[in-house]
Amino acid sequence: MSIVLDKLDVLAPEVSPKLRDTFSKIVGQQINDSFSAELDTMVLPQGKVAVRAAVKKVIPVVSADALVGDETYTRPNGEKYHARKWGEHDDVQVLRKAHEQMQFILLYGAPGCGKTALVQAAFPNVISVLGTGDTELADFIGGYVQTPSGGFTWEDGPLVRAAEEGRPLFIDEVGLIDPKVLSGVYSLMDGTGELTITANPERGIIKAKEGFYVIAATNPNAPGVRLSEALLSRFVLQVEMSTDFLLAKKLGAPQQIVTVAQNLSRRQQAGECSWAPQMRELLAFRDISKTFGTKFAIANLIAASPELDRPVVADVFTRVFGEECRPAKI
């Protein structure tokens, strides 16, 4: 040991304190009393050093409920709607808060992604109108209908009912409606909140009561959709809705069908096909497979896809399920 200490002094003779003194203290465990005491506890009577057991790192587990939200709302038909996040907010609460502030909302997305379900969950008393290319102003404000006696009587339309009863109005597929037809809706959405029914002078001017509100939805990729400046400027809140695949699994959709839907969704975005199953189709697959079996449900869903997309859809099903899949045929 003395030889080692002498060599340390030779290596750094100018260092103070001397290296030999520092080294001696380290060996004697005198530099840090707490370290010395801790080391003593690790030495067993046999002279061996006890090795501490590794501390297992605890990784928090995030449940599906925490990811998709476990808040549920009941729709008028009794079904449950599971809320989703719109930014930092619950989507149902966004609709209700926007209603209070009279900030009109436009939802857009593929059929079956949950637009109608969201509106019904937020407003159980909502009045709905399904738009088409043939929708006329009378479909909103009302018109004369024939009575059993052969006469005619005026019957209010959904827009007039919603305004006078102070209820929300949901216009589904608003993009298919001729922009001129929507002018009657705009008059109630604007500052005056009034609508003059020229087709029936006896009804006169309709004034919107507190509680009246307008929500609209559209599939922007559907043929014939027209979204005018007048329409878009009035709906200050706009959001794209898509299928929540994690929620679909939580609701019982089999993992494989969710994988198929995700794959087709990516292909749709890449322009390889025009269709992908949405929440409605995934839950229908879940129920049909329980009743008739998985193979039956697969064939049914392929048959339900657009004819031009069926080769792509069938190929994805075949790859995911590991066996040839074809559309249903009798």
Protein backbone atom coordinates (compact mmCIF):
# COMPACT_ATOMS: atom_id res chain seq x y z
CA MET A 1 0.00 0.00 0.00
CA SER A 2 2.86 2.40 0.86
CA ILE A 3 4.29 1.96 -2.65
CA VAL A 4 0.95 2.98 -4.14
CA LEU A 5 0.74 6.03 -1.90
CA ASP A 6 4.26 7.11 -2.79
CA LYS A 7 3.46 6.92 -6.50
CA LEU A 8 0.39 9.09 -5.97
CA ASP A 9 2.56 11.79 -4.42
CA VAL A 10 4.92 11.60 -7.40
CA LEU A 11 2.05 12.01 -9.87
CA ALA A 12 0.83 15.27 -8.35
CA PRO A 13 3.34 16.64 -5.82
CA GLU A 14 1.85 20.15 -5.91
CA VAL A 15 -1.72 19.09 -5.08
CA SER A 16 -3.00 19.99 -1.63
CA PRO A 17 -4.19 18.07 0.25
CA LYS A 18 -1.87 15.27 -0.80
CA LEU A 19 -3.40 12.58 -3.02
CA ARG A 20 -2.13 9.90 -0.64
CA ASP A 21 -4.10 11.47 2.22
CA THR A 22 -7.28 11.74 0.13
CA PHE A 23 -6.97 8.15 -1.06
CA SER A 24 -6.45 6.94 2.51
CA LYS A 25 -9.61 8.67 3.67
CA ILE A 26 -11.61 7.13 0.82
CA VAL A 27 -10.40 3.69 1.72
CA GLY A 28 -11.20 4.38 5.34
CA GLN A 29 -14.69 5.59 4.39
CA GLN A 30 -14.12 8.82 6.27
CA ILE A 31 -15.03 11.39 3.59
CA ASN A 32 -18.79 10.99 3.89
CA ASP A 33 -20.19 9.66 7.13
CA SER A 34 -23.63 9.00 5.65
CA PHE A 35 -22.10 7.02 2.79
CA SER A 36 -20.03 5.04 5.27
CA ALA A 37 -23.09 4.24 7.37
CA GLU A 38 -25.08 3.24 4.28
CA LEU A 39 -22.28 0.97 3.08
CA ASP A 40 -22.13 -0.70 6.48
CA THR A 41 -25.79 -1.70 6.16
CA MET A 42 -25.07 -3.38 2.84
CA VAL A 43 -22.30 -5.65 4.18
CA LEU A 44 -23.52 -9.04 5.36
CA PRO A 45 -21.86 -11.02 8.19
CA GLN A 46 -20.34 -13.31 5.56
CA GLY A 47 -18.50 -10.33 4.11
CA LYS A 48 -20.61 -10.14 0.95
CA VAL A 49 -22.28 -6.98 -0.24
CA ALA A 50 -26.07 -7.04 -0.36
CA VAL A 51 -27.40 -5.92 -3.74
CA ARG A 52 -30.54 -3.84 -3.58
CA ALA A 53 -33.55 -5.08 -5.47
CA ALA A 54 -34.28 -3.04 -8.57
CA VAL A 55 -37.04 -0.52 -8.10
CA LYS A 56 -39.84 -1.31 -10.56
CA LYS A 57 -41.01 1.76 -12.43
CA VAL A 58 -44.76 2.14 -12.23
CA ILE A 59 -46.30 3.17 -15.56
CA PRO A 60 -49.78 4.67 -15.19
CA VAL A 61 -52.44 2.83 -17.16
CA VAL A 62 -54.84 5.06 -19.08
CA SER A 63 -58.22 3.44 -19.55
CA ALA A 64 -60.34 3.73 -22.68
CA ASP A 65 -62.82 5.76 -20.65
CA ALA A 66 -60.16 8.35 -19.94
CA LEU A 67 -59.26 8.58 -23.61
CA VAL A 68 -62.71 8.86 -25.13
CA GLY A 69 -64.61 10.29 -22.19
CA ASP A 70 -67.12 8.36 -20.10
CA GLU A 71 -69.85 11.01 -20.10
CA THR A 72 -73.00 9.65 -21.69
CA TYR A 73 -76.24 11.29 -22.77
CA THR A 74 -79.57 9.72 -23.63
CA ARG A 75 -81.03 10.29 -27.09
CA PRO A 76 -84.82 10.52 -27.66
CA ASN A 77 -84.86 6.89 -28.86
CA GLY A 78 -83.32 5.73 -25.59
CA GLU A 79 -79.87 5.00 -27.01
CA LYS A 80 -76.78 6.28 -25.21
CA TYR A 81 -74.46 8.80 -26.80
CA HIS A 82 -70.85 8.76 -25.58
CA ALA A 83 -69.44 12.26 -25.57
CA ARG A 84 -66.27 13.03 -27.48
CA LYS A 85 -63.74 15.81 -27.18
CA TRP A 86 -64.12 18.95 -29.27
CA GLY A 87 -60.81 20.60 -28.49
CA GLU A 88 -60.72 20.73 -24.71
CA HIS A 89 -64.49 20.49 -24.36
CA ASP A 90 -67.22 17.86 -24.28
CA ASP A 91 -68.91 17.97 -27.71
CA VAL A 92 -72.43 17.90 -26.25
CA GLN A 93 -71.60 20.77 -23.92
CA VAL A 94 -70.17 22.77 -26.84
CA LEU A 95 -73.52 22.53 -28.62
CA ARG A 96 -75.44 23.55 -25.50
CA LYS A 97 -73.13 26.47 -24.73
CA ALA A 98 -73.27 27.64 -28.34
CA HIS A 99 -77.07 27.49 -28.11
CA GLU A 100 -77.00 29.83 -25.13
CA GLN A 101 -74.80 32.27 -27.06
CA MET A 102 -76.75 31.87 -30.35
CA GLN A 103 -73.63 30.72 -32.16
CA PHE A 104 -74.87 28.47 -34.95
CA ILE A 105 -73.04 25.21 -35.66
CA LEU A 106 -72.32 23.33 -38.91
CA LEU A 107 -71.23 19.69 -38.61
CA TYR A 108 -69.73 17.94 -41.60
CA GLY A 109 -68.60 14.38 -42.18
CA ALA A 110 -69.46 11.06 -43.80
CA PRO A 111 -72.87 9.47 -43.19
CA GLY A 112 -72.94 7.37 -40.04
CA CYS A 113 -70.15 9.17 -38.16
CA GLY A 114 -72.50 10.45 -35.44
CA LYS A 115 -73.68 13.90 -36.49
CA THR A 116 -77.38 13.25 -35.86
CA ALA A 117 -76.64 11.33 -32.66
CA LEU A 118 -74.66 14.28 -31.29
CA VAL A 119 -77.44 16.76 -32.01
CA GLN A 120 -80.11 14.53 -30.47
CA ALA A 121 -77.95 13.97 -27.39
CA ALA A 122 -77.48 17.71 -26.93
CA PHE A 123 -81.11 18.65 -27.65
CA PRO A 124 -83.67 15.89 -26.95
CA ASN A 125 -86.47 18.27 -28.02
CA VAL A 126 -84.90 19.05 -31.41
CA ILE A 127 -87.04 19.27 -34.56
CA SER A 128 -85.34 17.75 -37.61
CA VAL A 129 -85.50 18.34 -41.35
CA LEU A 130 -83.78 16.07 -43.88
CA GLY A 131 -82.68 18.09 -46.88
CA THR A 132 -82.67 16.89 -50.49
CA GLY A 133 -82.30 18.47 -53.88
CA ASP A 134 -86.10 18.67 -54.04
CA THR A 135 -86.60 20.43 -50.70
CA GLU A 136 -88.77 23.54 -51.09
CA LEU A 137 -89.49 26.53 -48.86
CA ALA A 138 -92.88 25.01 -48.03
CA ASP A 139 -91.05 22.04 -46.47
CA PHE A 140 -89.75 24.53 -43.90
CA ILE A 141 -92.54 27.02 -43.34
CA GLY A 142 -95.55 24.81 -44.09
CA GLY A 143 -98.43 24.88 -46.53
CA TYR A 144 -102.04 24.04 -47.18
CA VAL A 145 -103.06 20.40 -46.84
CA GLN A 146 -106.32 18.79 -47.86
CA THR A 147 -108.76 17.78 -45.15
CA PRO A 148 -110.96 14.64 -45.23
CA SER A 149 -113.94 16.83 -46.12
CA GLY A 150 -112.21 18.06 -49.25
CA GLY A 151 -111.23 21.50 -47.99
CA PHE A 152 -107.77 22.87 -47.23
CA THR A 153 -106.17 23.94 -43.99
CA TRP A 154 -102.82 25.50 -43.21
CA GLU A 155 -100.23 23.32 -41.48
CA ASP A 156 -97.07 24.86 -40.03
CA GLY A 157 -93.73 23.49 -41.15
CA PRO A 158 -90.81 22.50 -38.89
CA LEU A 159 -89.13 25.91 -39.11
CA VAL A 160 -92.25 27.75 -37.94
CA ARG A 161 -92.89 25.20 -35.19
CA ALA A 162 -89.33 25.44 -33.90
CA ALA A 163 -89.48 29.25 -33.88
CA GLU A 164 -92.84 29.51 -32.13
CA GLU A 165 -92.15 26.72 -29.65
CA GLY A 166 -88.61 27.90 -28.84
CA ARG A 167 -86.94 24.64 -29.90
CA PRO A 168 -83.72 23.85 -31.80
CA LEU A 169 -84.01 23.02 -35.52
CA PHE A 170 -81.62 20.49 -37.04
CA ILE A 171 -81.20 20.68 -40.82
CA ASP A 172 -79.55 17.46 -41.99
CA GLU A 173 -77.88 17.33 -45.42
CA VAL A 174 -78.16 21.11 -45.66
CA GLY A 175 -75.69 21.13 -48.55
CA LEU A 176 -78.22 19.42 -50.84
CA ILE A 177 -80.82 22.16 -50.40
CA ASP A 178 -81.10 24.96 -52.97
CA PRO A 179 -79.54 28.08 -51.37
CA LYS A 180 -82.63 30.11 -52.31
CA VAL A 181 -84.81 27.83 -50.17
CA LEU A 182 -82.67 28.54 -47.11
CA SER A 183 -83.41 32.26 -47.23
CA GLY A 184 -86.43 31.70 -44.99
CA VAL A 185 -84.21 30.06 -42.38
CA TYR A 186 -81.70 32.90 -42.52
CA SER A 187 -84.33 35.50 -41.69
CA LEU A 188 -84.91 33.80 -38.34
CA MET A 189 -81.19 33.31 -37.70
CA ASP A 190 -80.38 36.96 -38.29
CA GLY A 191 -80.75 39.79 -35.78
CA THR A 192 -84.48 40.43 -36.22
CA GLY A 193 -85.48 36.82 -35.60
CA GLU A 194 -88.60 37.28 -37.72
CA LEU A 195 -90.14 35.50 -40.70
CA THR A 196 -92.99 36.77 -42.85
CA ILE A 197 -95.15 33.98 -44.26
CA THR A 198 -96.32 35.40 -47.56
CA ALA A 199 -98.04 32.16 -48.56
CA ASN A 200 -100.54 32.63 -45.71
CA PRO A 201 -101.23 36.26 -44.72
CA GLU A 202 -103.25 35.05 -41.73
CA ARG A 203 -100.08 33.68 -40.16
CA GLY A 204 -98.40 37.02 -40.69
CA ILE A 205 -95.01 37.55 -39.06
CA ILE A 206 -93.46 34.73 -37.05
CA LYS A 207 -91.13 35.77 -34.24
CA ALA A 208 -88.58 33.33 -32.86
CA LYS A 209 -89.02 32.64 -29.16
CA GLU A 210 -86.20 32.12 -26.72
CA GLY A 211 -84.77 28.65 -27.20
CA PHE A 212 -84.94 28.70 -30.99
CA TYR A 213 -81.66 27.64 -32.54
CA VAL A 214 -80.32 26.17 -35.78
CA ILE A 215 -77.78 23.38 -36.24
CA ALA A 216 -76.93 21.99 -39.67
CA ALA A 217 -75.00 19.00 -40.99
CA THR A 218 -73.68 17.96 -44.37
CA ASN A 219 -71.47 15.48 -46.16
CA PRO A 220 -69.24 17.77 -48.23
CA ASN A 221 -68.17 14.91 -50.52
CA ALA A 222 -71.69 13.89 -51.54
CA PRO A 223 -72.77 14.60 -55.13
CA GLY A 224 -74.77 17.80 -55.50
CA VAL A 225 -73.60 19.49 -52.29
CA ARG A 226 -73.54 23.30 -52.43
CA LEU A 227 -72.29 25.33 -49.50
CA SER A 228 -72.92 28.99 -50.29
CA GLU A 229 -71.21 31.97 -48.70
CA ALA A 230 -74.54 32.96 -47.17
CA LEU A 231 -74.76 29.59 -45.44
CA LEU A 232 -71.16 29.33 -44.26
CA SER A 233 -71.04 32.88 -42.91
CA ARG A 234 -73.99 32.27 -40.59
CA PHE A 235 -72.57 29.10 -39.02
CA VAL A 236 -69.70 30.53 -37.01
CA LEU A 237 -68.79 27.17 -35.45
CA GLN A 238 -67.81 24.46 -37.91
CA VAL A 239 -66.27 21.08 -37.21
CA GLU A 240 -65.48 17.90 -39.09
CA MET A 241 -66.78 14.72 -37.47
CA SER A 242 -65.22 11.31 -38.01
CA THR A 243 -65.62 7.89 -36.47
CA ASP A 244 -63.92 7.39 -33.11
CA PHE A 245 -62.42 3.91 -33.58
CA LEU A 246 -61.36 3.62 -29.94
CA LEU A 247 -64.92 4.31 -28.89
CA ALA A 248 -66.18 1.76 -31.43
CA LYS A 249 -64.06 -0.92 -29.75
CA LYS A 250 -65.26 0.21 -26.35
CA LEU A 251 -68.84 -0.25 -27.55
CA GLY A 252 -68.14 -3.82 -28.60
CA ALA A 253 -67.12 -3.61 -32.26
CA PRO A 254 -64.66 -6.50 -32.90
CA GLN A 255 -61.01 -5.52 -33.24
CA GLN A 256 -60.74 -6.96 -36.76
CA ILE A 257 -63.64 -4.93 -38.18
CA VAL A 258 -62.18 -1.79 -36.60
CA THR A 259 -58.87 -2.60 -38.30
CA VAL A 260 -60.71 -2.96 -41.61
CA ALA A 261 -62.40 0.41 -41.11
CA GLN A 262 -59.12 2.14 -40.24
CA ASN A 263 -57.42 0.63 -43.29
CA LEU A 264 -60.22 1.69 -45.63
CA SER A 265 -60.27 5.15 -44.06
CA ARG A 266 -56.58 5.59 -44.90
CA ARG A 267 -57.21 4.37 -48.44
CA GLN A 268 -60.12 6.76 -48.77
CA GLN A 269 -57.90 9.67 -47.75
CA ALA A 270 -55.32 8.52 -50.29
CA GLY A 271 -57.96 8.47 -53.03
CA GLU A 272 -57.86 4.68 -53.50
CA CYS A 273 -61.55 4.29 -52.63
CA SER A 274 -64.52 6.51 -51.86
CA TRP A 275 -65.97 4.70 -48.84
CA ALA A 276 -65.05 3.46 -45.39
CA PRO A 277 -67.29 2.03 -42.63
CA GLN A 278 -68.33 4.58 -40.01
CA MET A 279 -69.62 4.14 -36.47
CA ARG A 280 -73.10 3.17 -37.66
CA GLU A 281 -71.73 0.33 -39.82
CA LEU A 282 -69.32 -0.86 -37.11
CA LEU A 283 -72.07 -1.17 -34.51
CA ALA A 284 -74.37 -2.83 -37.06
CA PHE A 285 -71.57 -5.33 -37.80
CA ARG A 286 -71.30 -6.02 -34.08
CA ASP A 287 -75.01 -6.79 -33.81
CA ILE A 288 -75.31 -8.76 -37.06
CA SER A 289 -72.32 -10.94 -36.21
CA LYS A 290 -73.94 -11.84 -32.88
CA THR A 291 -77.15 -12.84 -34.66
CA PHE A 292 -75.88 -14.51 -37.83
CA GLY A 293 -72.14 -15.01 -37.33
CA THR A 294 -68.99 -13.19 -38.40
CA LYS A 295 -68.84 -14.52 -41.97
CA PHE A 296 -72.42 -13.41 -42.59
CA ALA A 297 -71.68 -9.94 -41.21
CA ILE A 298 -68.56 -9.63 -43.40
CA ALA A 299 -70.43 -10.56 -46.58
CA ASN A 300 -73.23 -8.16 -45.65
CA LEU A 301 -70.92 -5.19 -45.10
CA ILE A 302 -69.04 -5.80 -48.34
CA ALA A 303 -72.38 -5.91 -50.17
CA ALA A 304 -73.36 -2.62 -48.50
CA SER A 305 -70.28 -0.83 -49.84
CA PRO A 306 -70.43 1.14 -53.11
CA GLU A 307 -70.20 -1.18 -56.10
CA LEU A 308 -67.08 0.46 -57.50
CA ASP A 309 -65.30 0.10 -54.15
CA ARG A 310 -66.19 -3.54 -53.51
CA PRO A 311 -62.99 -5.06 -54.96
CA VAL A 312 -60.90 -2.86 -52.65
CA VAL A 313 -63.19 -3.48 -49.68
CA ALA A 314 -63.18 -7.26 -50.24
CA ASP A 315 -59.39 -7.25 -50.54
CA VAL A 316 -58.98 -5.44 -47.21
CA PHE A 317 -61.38 -7.85 -45.49
CA THR A 318 -59.47 -10.82 -46.96
CA ARG A 319 -56.14 -9.51 -45.70
CA VAL A 320 -57.41 -8.71 -42.20
CA PHE A 321 -59.47 -11.88 -41.64
CA GLY A 322 -57.02 -14.21 -43.38
CA GLU A 323 -59.52 -15.85 -45.73
CA GLU A 324 -61.26 -14.91 -48.94
CA CYS A 325 -64.20 -12.58 -48.33
CA ARG A 326 -66.94 -11.85 -50.85
CA PRO A 327 -70.14 -9.76 -50.86
CA ALA A 328 -73.40 -11.40 -49.85
CA LYS A 329 -75.30 -13.01 -52.69
CA ILE A 330 -78.41 -15.20 -52.84
